[in-house]
Protein backbone atom coordinates (compact mmCIF):
# COMPACT_ATOMS: atom_id res chain seq x y z
CA MET A 1 -0.15 -0.01 -0.25
CA SER A 2 0.84 3.19 -0.87
CA VAL A 3 1.55 6.16 1.62
CA ASP A 4 -1.71 7.92 0.16
CA GLU A 5 -3.50 4.83 0.56
CA TRP A 6 -2.80 4.50 4.20
CA ILE A 7 -3.73 8.23 5.01
CA LEU A 8 -7.04 7.09 3.36
CA SER A 9 -7.40 3.84 5.37
CA LEU A 10 -6.97 6.28 8.61
CA HIS A 11 -9.38 8.74 7.48
CA VAL A 12 -11.94 6.63 6.98
CA LEU A 13 -11.20 5.03 10.02
CA SER A 14 -11.51 8.33 12.09
CA ALA A 15 -14.90 8.75 10.26
CA PHE A 16 -16.03 5.29 11.83
CA ALA A 17 -14.61 6.58 14.96
CA TYR A 18 -16.52 9.66 15.21
CA VAL A 19 -19.81 7.93 13.63
CA ALA A 20 -19.80 5.46 16.51
CA GLY A 21 -18.97 8.55 19.02
CA LEU A 22 -22.16 9.98 17.77
CA VAL A 23 -24.08 7.07 18.15
CA LEU A 24 -22.94 6.56 21.93
CA PHE A 25 -23.95 9.93 22.53
CA TRP A 26 -27.45 8.90 21.12
CA VAL A 27 -27.79 6.07 23.04
CA LEU A 28 -26.74 8.40 26.55
CA VAL A 29 -29.32 11.12 25.44
CA VAL A 30 -32.37 9.02 25.49
CA ALA A 31 -30.94 7.13 28.50
CA VAL A 32 -30.28 10.21 30.31
CA ARG A 33 -33.84 11.95 29.58
CA ARG A 34 -35.28 8.90 31.52
CA THR A 35 -33.88 9.65 34.57
CA ASP A 36 -33.67 12.66 36.94
CA LEU A 37 -32.01 10.79 40.15
CA PRO A 38 -27.81 11.66 40.38
CA ALA A 39 -26.94 8.30 41.13
CA THR A 40 -27.85 7.68 37.57
CA THR A 41 -27.28 10.55 35.54
CA THR A 42 -22.95 10.15 36.93
CA HIS A 43 -23.22 6.56 36.51
CA MET A 44 -22.96 7.67 32.36
CA GLY A 45 -20.04 9.78 33.32
CA PRO A 46 -17.51 6.48 31.98
CA VAL A 47 -19.47 6.06 28.98
CA VAL A 48 -19.49 9.87 28.24
CA LYS A 49 -15.68 9.55 28.42
CA VAL A 50 -15.38 6.88 26.07
CA GLY A 51 -17.44 8.82 23.63
CA ASN A 52 -15.74 12.27 24.01
CA ALA A 53 -12.60 9.89 22.98
CA ALA A 54 -13.49 8.66 19.97
CA ILE A 55 -15.81 11.88 19.48
CA GLY A 56 -12.29 13.74 19.39
CA ILE A 57 -9.96 10.97 17.94
CA GLY A 58 -12.59 10.79 14.75
CA ALA A 59 -12.98 14.77 14.43
CA THR A 60 -8.71 15.54 14.89
CA GLY A 61 -8.37 12.14 12.13
CA THR A 62 -11.00 13.31 10.08
CA ILE A 63 -9.71 17.12 9.54
CA VAL A 64 -6.36 16.01 9.86
CA PHE A 65 -6.11 12.93 7.25
CA GLY A 66 -8.65 14.52 4.97
CA ILE A 67 -6.30 17.80 4.15
CA TRP A 68 -2.69 15.41 3.92
CA LEU A 69 -5.30 13.85 1.50
CA ALA A 70 -6.40 16.85 -0.29
CA LEU A 71 -2.64 18.38 -0.28
CA SER A 72 -1.03 15.05 -1.79
CA TYR A 73 -3.61 13.03 -3.31
CA GLY A 74 -3.77 13.21 -7.36
CA GLY A 75 -7.19 14.45 -9.00
CA TYR A 76 -7.87 16.58 -6.05
CA ASP A 77 -6.88 20.39 -5.08
CA ILE A 78 -7.47 22.22 -1.34
CA TRP A 79 -9.51 24.66 -3.03
CA ASP A 80 -12.12 22.01 -4.28
CA GLY A 81 -15.31 22.53 -3.76
CA TRP A 82 -16.45 19.64 -2.45
CA ILE A 83 -13.46 19.84 0.02
CA ILE A 84 -14.04 23.45 1.40
CA ALA A 85 -17.61 22.20 2.04
CA ALA A 86 -16.72 19.43 4.41
CA ILE A 87 -14.19 21.75 6.30
CA VAL A 88 -16.95 23.84 6.73
CA LEU A 89 -19.22 21.15 7.41
CA TRP A 90 -16.81 19.88 9.66
CA LEU A 91 -16.25 22.95 12.04
CA ILE A 92 -20.38 23.17 11.74
CA ALA A 93 -20.43 19.70 12.84
CA ALA A 94 -17.26 20.65 15.95
CA GLU A 95 -19.56 23.38 17.47
CA THR A 96 -23.08 22.18 17.29
CA GLY A 97 -21.28 19.22 19.09
CA ARG A 98 -19.53 21.21 21.71
CA ARG A 99 -22.96 23.06 22.18
CA ALA A 100 -25.01 19.68 22.68
CA GLY A 101 -22.00 18.70 25.52
CA ALA A 102 -22.04 22.17 27.34
CA GLU A 103 -26.22 21.42 27.41
CA TYR A 104 -25.70 17.85 28.85
CA LEU A 105 -22.57 18.95 30.77
CA ALA A 106 -24.69 21.20 33.17
CA GLY A 107 -27.00 18.10 34.43
CA MET A 108 -24.06 16.08 34.88
CA LYS A 109 -22.62 19.12 37.24
CA LYS A 110 -25.86 19.24 38.79
CA ALA A 111 -25.90 15.71 39.71
CA GLU A 112 -22.77 15.82 41.62
CA GLU A 113 -23.92 18.12 43.41
CA LEU A 114 -26.87 16.78 45.10
CA GLN A 115 -24.73 14.45 45.35
CA ALA A 116 -22.41 16.15 47.61
CA ALA A 117 -25.26 17.28 49.19
CA GLY A 118 -26.43 13.96 50.09
CA GLN A 119 -29.69 14.40 47.84
CA THR A 120 -30.28 10.88 46.53
CA GLY A 121 -33.80 11.34 45.73
CA PRO A 122 -35.70 12.03 42.01
CA SER A 123 -34.58 15.94 41.68
CA PRO A 124 -37.37 18.03 39.12
CA ASP A 125 -34.36 20.44 38.12
CA LEU A 126 -32.18 17.33 37.81
CA GLY A 127 -34.74 16.05 35.00
CA ALA A 128 -35.25 19.05 33.24
CA LEU A 129 -31.34 19.63 32.64
CA ASN A 130 -31.18 15.65 31.69
CA ARG A 131 -34.32 16.46 28.93
CA THR A 132 -32.32 19.93 27.45
CA GLN A 133 -34.72 20.28 24.22
CA ARG A 134 -31.32 22.49 23.22
CA GLY A 135 -28.75 19.77 23.95
CA LEU A 136 -31.04 17.80 21.75
CA LEU A 137 -31.19 19.91 18.74
CA MET A 138 -27.81 20.70 18.83
CA HIS A 139 -27.06 16.74 18.92
CA ALA A 140 -29.34 16.52 16.08
CA LEU A 141 -27.65 19.13 13.89
CA SER A 142 -24.39 17.99 14.55
CA SER A 143 -25.31 14.04 13.62
CA LEU A 144 -27.33 15.67 10.27
CA VAL A 145 -23.91 17.53 9.72
CA ALA A 146 -22.05 14.59 10.23
CA LEU A 147 -24.45 12.90 7.12
CA LEU A 148 -24.20 16.19 5.17
CA ILE A 149 -20.12 15.30 5.01
CA LEU A 150 -20.50 12.10 4.48
CA ILE A 151 -22.45 12.55 1.47
CA ASP A 152 -20.21 15.23 0.24
CA MET A 153 -17.41 12.39 0.94
CA ILE A 154 -19.04 9.91 -1.69
CA TRP A 155 -20.66 12.00 -4.37
CA LYS A 156 -17.72 14.89 -4.21
CA PRO A 157 -20.00 17.42 -5.92
CA GLY A 158 -17.83 19.16 -8.06
CA ALA A 159 -15.19 17.50 -8.46
């Protein structure tokens, strides 16, 4: 295999990691919406770390290896419209994902505060934070943008 083929393989593997992280966070979104208990919320923390790692590795790998390919692979240029579109969409996905994470982090922090205060029963405030509509919207947008990136990568409009 050539270097470019290896880089392409790592680029695709990074995309799989990114999508796996998105799917994992969808599972967590559904799970956390069902609870208003501090312990149940905080028990999701280790899984969140796995999702963050998958998203971080996937996002970094896709952008780094993708730009590398655009610069080194014959027939493509970094200024091709579909590559610029992918980079812009990547930035949008990163920001909407960051905002979704911040929304759900508020619930995790509240759960930790409640546990530190010795409150183990249901909390309406925690339930409201766990059911954040803004977080759900941001995660849905991030997922939609990731799908648009995938479509852009497959069909390469304008290439």
